[in-house]
Every structure is written in structure tokens, then in C-alpha cells.
Amino acid sequence: MKKLKKIPAFASEQEEAEFWLTHSTVDYVDWSKAKKVRMPNLKPSTKTISLRLPEFLLEDIKIMANRRDVPYQSLIKMMLADAVSRKS
């Protein structure tokens, strides 16, 4: 049986992400003992961005969002997620 390395403590999510980009989990985790878990209240990390849109496009999006009774920012996120998932 292979001796596993200890996963270091990370100061931030960014630091952890950078660590895993250069290290294999095989050296740190015994995946044969892994169990499925559900985290229904977990919210993904988000980042605020500035996006410039033509006014007519933003107005059309706001009208669509109003018809669906959702905030227009949420509709934009749903539309982007749908477009990205179709490209995968």
C-alpha cells in the first residue's frame, strides 16, 4: 500500500487551486475509499465582472427576463451557462 502525502493547509482558495494545478491527487487521496456526498447548500464562488453591452441588447434581455419573472443578471448567467454547455 502506497503511503499518502499530507494535504497542506491553504491560506486561500486561489492558493489551493494553484497547488492542484501542479500536483496529482493520487499522491494525496486514496480514491478507493471515496464516498459520494451531496452538498445542496454549496454555492459556487463568483466573481464580479464588468460587461459592456449595446443598450438595445440589454433592453431585449431585460424584456425576456421580465417575461420569465427572473432578474436579468440571472437570465444572462443561464444563457451563458447553456451556450457553454452546448460547446463542450
N, C-alpha and C. Protein backbone atom coordinates (compact mmCIF):
# COMPACT_ATOMS: atom_id res chain seq x y z
N MET A 1 0.84 -1.19 0.00
CA MET A 1 0.00 0.00 0.00
C MET A 1 0.88 1.24 0.00
N LYS A 2 0.57 2.17 -0.86
CA LYS A 2 1.34 3.39 -1.02
C LYS A 2 1.05 4.36 0.13
N LYS A 3 2.10 4.96 0.68
CA LYS A 3 1.92 5.95 1.74
C LYS A 3 1.53 7.28 1.10
N LEU A 4 0.43 7.84 1.57
CA LEU A 4 -0.08 9.09 1.02
C LEU A 4 0.58 10.29 1.67
N LYS A 5 0.75 11.34 0.88
CA LYS A 5 1.28 12.60 1.39
C LYS A 5 0.15 13.36 2.09
N LYS A 6 0.52 14.20 3.05
CA LYS A 6 -0.48 15.01 3.76
C LYS A 6 -0.83 16.23 2.91
N ILE A 7 -2.11 16.50 2.79
CA ILE A 7 -2.56 17.69 2.05
C ILE A 7 -2.23 18.91 2.90
N PRO A 8 -1.51 19.88 2.33
CA PRO A 8 -1.14 21.06 3.12
C PRO A 8 -2.35 21.95 3.43
N ALA A 9 -2.19 22.80 4.43
CA ALA A 9 -3.21 23.81 4.74
C ALA A 9 -3.03 24.96 3.75
N PHE A 10 -4.12 25.48 3.27
CA PHE A 10 -4.06 26.56 2.28
C PHE A 10 -4.61 27.84 2.87
N ALA A 11 -3.99 28.95 2.52
CA ALA A 11 -4.43 30.25 3.03
C ALA A 11 -5.65 30.77 2.27
N SER A 12 -5.84 30.28 1.05
CA SER A 12 -6.96 30.77 0.24
C SER A 12 -7.36 29.72 -0.79
N GLU A 13 -8.53 29.90 -1.36
CA GLU A 13 -9.00 29.01 -2.41
C GLU A 13 -8.07 29.10 -3.62
N GLN A 14 -7.58 30.30 -3.89
CA GLN A 14 -6.67 30.52 -5.01
C GLN A 14 -5.38 29.72 -4.82
N GLU A 15 -4.84 29.75 -3.60
CA GLU A 15 -3.62 29.01 -3.30
C GLU A 15 -3.84 27.51 -3.49
N GLU A 16 -4.99 27.02 -3.05
CA GLU A 16 -5.30 25.60 -3.23
C GLU A 16 -5.42 25.25 -4.71
N ALA A 17 -6.09 26.10 -5.47
CA ALA A 17 -6.25 25.85 -6.90
C ALA A 17 -4.89 25.77 -7.59
N GLU A 18 -3.98 26.67 -7.24
CA GLU A 18 -2.65 26.67 -7.84
C GLU A 18 -1.88 25.41 -7.45
N PHE A 19 -2.06 24.95 -6.22
CA PHE A 19 -1.40 23.72 -5.76
C PHE A 19 -1.84 22.53 -6.61
N TRP A 20 -3.16 22.37 -6.80
CA TRP A 20 -3.67 21.21 -7.51
C TRP A 20 -3.38 21.26 -9.00
N LEU A 21 -3.05 22.43 -9.53
CA LEU A 21 -2.64 22.51 -10.93
C LEU A 21 -1.31 21.81 -11.17
N THR A 22 -0.48 21.71 -10.12
CA THR A 22 0.86 21.14 -10.27
C THR A 22 1.07 19.86 -9.47
N HIS A 23 0.03 19.34 -8.83
CA HIS A 23 0.14 18.12 -8.04
C HIS A 23 -1.00 17.16 -8.38
N SER A 24 -0.70 15.86 -8.33
CA SER A 24 -1.73 14.85 -8.60
C SER A 24 -2.40 14.43 -7.30
N THR A 25 -3.71 14.30 -7.33
CA THR A 25 -4.44 13.85 -6.14
C THR A 25 -4.09 12.41 -5.78
N VAL A 26 -3.58 11.64 -6.73
CA VAL A 26 -3.23 10.25 -6.49
C VAL A 26 -2.19 10.13 -5.37
N ASP A 27 -1.34 11.14 -5.23
CA ASP A 27 -0.32 11.14 -4.18
C ASP A 27 -0.89 11.52 -2.82
N TYR A 28 -2.11 12.05 -2.78
CA TYR A 28 -2.67 12.60 -1.55
C TYR A 28 -3.98 11.95 -1.09
N VAL A 29 -4.67 11.27 -2.00
CA VAL A 29 -6.01 10.75 -1.69
C VAL A 29 -6.12 9.28 -2.11
N ASP A 30 -6.68 8.46 -1.25
CA ASP A 30 -6.98 7.08 -1.59
C ASP A 30 -8.39 7.06 -2.15
N TRP A 31 -8.51 7.14 -3.46
CA TRP A 31 -9.81 7.27 -4.11
C TRP A 31 -10.66 6.02 -3.97
N SER A 32 -10.05 4.88 -3.60
CA SER A 32 -10.84 3.67 -3.42
C SER A 32 -11.74 3.77 -2.20
N LYS A 33 -11.44 4.69 -1.31
CA LYS A 33 -12.26 4.89 -0.10
C LYS A 33 -13.21 6.09 -0.22
N ALA A 34 -13.24 6.69 -1.38
CA ALA A 34 -14.08 7.87 -1.58
C ALA A 34 -15.56 7.49 -1.57
N LYS A 35 -16.38 8.38 -1.03
CA LYS A 35 -17.82 8.18 -1.00
C LYS A 35 -18.51 9.38 -1.63
N LYS A 36 -19.62 9.13 -2.28
CA LYS A 36 -20.39 10.22 -2.86
C LYS A 36 -21.05 11.03 -1.75
N VAL A 37 -21.04 12.34 -1.91
CA VAL A 37 -21.70 13.22 -0.95
C VAL A 37 -22.58 14.21 -1.71
N ARG A 38 -23.56 14.73 -1.02
CA ARG A 38 -24.43 15.78 -1.59
C ARG A 38 -24.23 17.04 -0.77
N MET A 39 -24.07 18.15 -1.45
CA MET A 39 -23.93 19.44 -0.78
C MET A 39 -24.93 20.40 -1.39
N PRO A 40 -26.19 20.26 -1.01
CA PRO A 40 -27.24 21.06 -1.64
C PRO A 40 -27.14 22.56 -1.37
N ASN A 41 -26.46 22.95 -0.30
CA ASN A 41 -26.39 24.38 0.02
C ASN A 41 -25.09 25.03 -0.43
N LEU A 42 -24.24 24.27 -1.12
CA LEU A 42 -22.97 24.81 -1.58
C LEU A 42 -23.20 25.77 -2.73
N LYS A 43 -22.67 26.95 -2.60
CA LYS A 43 -22.79 27.94 -3.65
C LYS A 43 -21.42 28.13 -4.29
N PRO A 44 -21.36 28.10 -5.62
CA PRO A 44 -20.06 28.25 -6.28
C PRO A 44 -19.49 29.65 -6.06
N SER A 45 -18.17 29.73 -6.04
CA SER A 45 -17.52 31.04 -5.93
C SER A 45 -17.90 31.86 -7.16
N THR A 46 -18.09 33.13 -6.95
CA THR A 46 -18.43 34.02 -8.06
C THR A 46 -17.45 35.17 -8.11
N LYS A 47 -17.38 35.80 -9.25
CA LYS A 47 -16.53 36.96 -9.42
C LYS A 47 -17.32 38.00 -10.19
N THR A 48 -17.28 39.22 -9.72
CA THR A 48 -17.97 40.31 -10.39
C THR A 48 -17.15 40.77 -11.59
N ILE A 49 -17.83 40.94 -12.71
CA ILE A 49 -17.17 41.44 -13.91
C ILE A 49 -17.95 42.63 -14.45
N SER A 50 -17.29 43.39 -15.28
CA SER A 50 -17.95 44.49 -15.97
C SER A 50 -18.11 44.07 -17.42
N LEU A 51 -19.32 44.15 -17.92
CA LEU A 51 -19.59 43.71 -19.28
C LEU A 51 -20.33 44.82 -20.01
N ARG A 52 -19.76 45.27 -21.07
CA ARG A 52 -20.41 46.33 -21.86
C ARG A 52 -21.26 45.70 -22.95
N LEU A 53 -22.53 46.06 -22.96
CA LEU A 53 -23.47 45.55 -23.95
C LEU A 53 -24.12 46.72 -24.66
N PRO A 54 -24.46 46.54 -25.92
CA PRO A 54 -25.25 47.58 -26.59
C PRO A 54 -26.58 47.75 -25.85
N GLU A 55 -27.04 48.99 -25.74
CA GLU A 55 -28.27 49.26 -24.99
C GLU A 55 -29.46 48.46 -25.49
N PHE A 56 -29.57 48.31 -26.82
CA PHE A 56 -30.72 47.57 -27.35
C PHE A 56 -30.68 46.11 -26.90
N LEU A 57 -29.48 45.52 -26.82
CA LEU A 57 -29.35 44.13 -26.38
C LEU A 57 -29.74 43.99 -24.91
N LEU A 58 -29.25 44.90 -24.09
CA LEU A 58 -29.60 44.86 -22.67
C LEU A 58 -31.10 45.03 -22.47
N GLU A 59 -31.71 45.93 -23.22
CA GLU A 59 -33.17 46.11 -23.11
C GLU A 59 -33.92 44.85 -23.52
N ASP A 60 -33.46 44.20 -24.60
CA ASP A 60 -34.10 42.95 -25.03
C ASP A 60 -33.96 41.87 -23.95
N ILE A 61 -32.80 41.79 -23.34
CA ILE A 61 -32.57 40.80 -22.27
C ILE A 61 -33.48 41.10 -21.07
N LYS A 62 -33.61 42.38 -20.73
CA LYS A 62 -34.47 42.74 -19.60
C LYS A 62 -35.93 42.39 -19.89
N ILE A 63 -36.37 42.56 -21.12
CA ILE A 63 -37.74 42.21 -21.50
C ILE A 63 -37.93 40.70 -21.39
N MET A 64 -36.96 39.93 -21.90
CA MET A 64 -37.03 38.46 -21.80
C MET A 64 -37.07 38.03 -20.33
N ALA A 65 -36.24 38.65 -19.52
CA ALA A 65 -36.18 38.29 -18.09
C ALA A 65 -37.50 38.60 -17.41
N ASN A 66 -38.07 39.74 -17.74
CA ASN A 66 -39.35 40.14 -17.15
C ASN A 66 -40.44 39.13 -17.51
N ARG A 67 -40.44 38.66 -18.75
CA ARG A 67 -41.44 37.67 -19.18
C ARG A 67 -41.28 36.36 -18.41
N ARG A 68 -40.05 36.03 -18.05
CA ARG A 68 -39.78 34.78 -17.31
C ARG A 68 -39.82 34.99 -15.80
N ASP A 69 -40.00 36.24 -15.39
CA ASP A 69 -40.05 36.60 -13.97
C ASP A 69 -38.76 36.22 -13.24
N VAL A 70 -37.62 36.54 -13.87
CA VAL A 70 -36.30 36.33 -13.26
C VAL A 70 -35.50 37.62 -13.40
N PRO A 71 -34.55 37.87 -12.51
CA PRO A 71 -33.68 39.04 -12.67
C PRO A 71 -32.87 38.92 -13.97
N TYR A 72 -32.63 40.03 -14.63
CA TYR A 72 -31.95 39.96 -15.92
C TYR A 72 -30.52 39.42 -15.80
N GLN A 73 -29.85 39.69 -14.65
CA GLN A 73 -28.50 39.15 -14.47
C GLN A 73 -28.54 37.62 -14.40
N SER A 74 -29.57 37.08 -13.75
CA SER A 74 -29.72 35.63 -13.67
C SER A 74 -29.98 35.04 -15.05
N LEU A 75 -30.79 35.72 -15.83
CA LEU A 75 -31.06 35.25 -17.19
C LEU A 75 -29.78 35.24 -18.02
N ILE A 76 -28.97 36.26 -17.90
CA ILE A 76 -27.70 36.30 -18.63
C ILE A 76 -26.82 35.12 -18.22
N LYS A 77 -26.74 34.84 -16.91
CA LYS A 77 -25.93 33.70 -16.44
C LYS A 77 -26.48 32.38 -16.98
N MET A 78 -27.80 32.23 -16.99
CA MET A 78 -28.40 31.00 -17.51
C MET A 78 -28.10 30.83 -19.01
N MET A 79 -28.19 31.93 -19.74
CA MET A 79 -27.94 31.88 -21.17
C MET A 79 -26.46 31.55 -21.46
N LEU A 80 -25.57 32.14 -20.68
CA LEU A 80 -24.14 31.85 -20.87
C LEU A 80 -23.84 30.39 -20.51
N ALA A 81 -24.38 29.91 -19.40
CA ALA A 81 -24.14 28.52 -18.99
C ALA A 81 -24.67 27.55 -20.06
N ASP A 82 -25.83 27.84 -20.62
CA ASP A 82 -26.41 26.99 -21.67
C ASP A 82 -25.52 26.99 -22.91
N ALA A 83 -25.05 28.16 -23.31
CA ALA A 83 -24.20 28.25 -24.50
C ALA A 83 -22.87 27.51 -24.28
N VAL A 84 -22.30 27.63 -23.11
CA VAL A 84 -21.03 26.97 -22.82
C VAL A 84 -21.23 25.45 -22.77
N SER A 85 -22.31 24.99 -22.18
CA SER A 85 -22.53 23.54 -22.08
C SER A 85 -22.75 22.92 -23.46
N ARG A 86 -23.31 23.65 -24.38
CA ARG A 86 -23.51 23.14 -25.74
C ARG A 86 -22.20 23.06 -26.50
N LYS A 87 -21.22 23.87 -26.13
CA LYS A 87 -19.91 23.86 -26.81
C LYS A 87 -19.02 22.74 -26.31
N SER A 88 -19.33 22.18 -25.14
CA SER A 88 -18.47 21.13 -24.55
C SER A 88 -18.63 19.80 -25.25
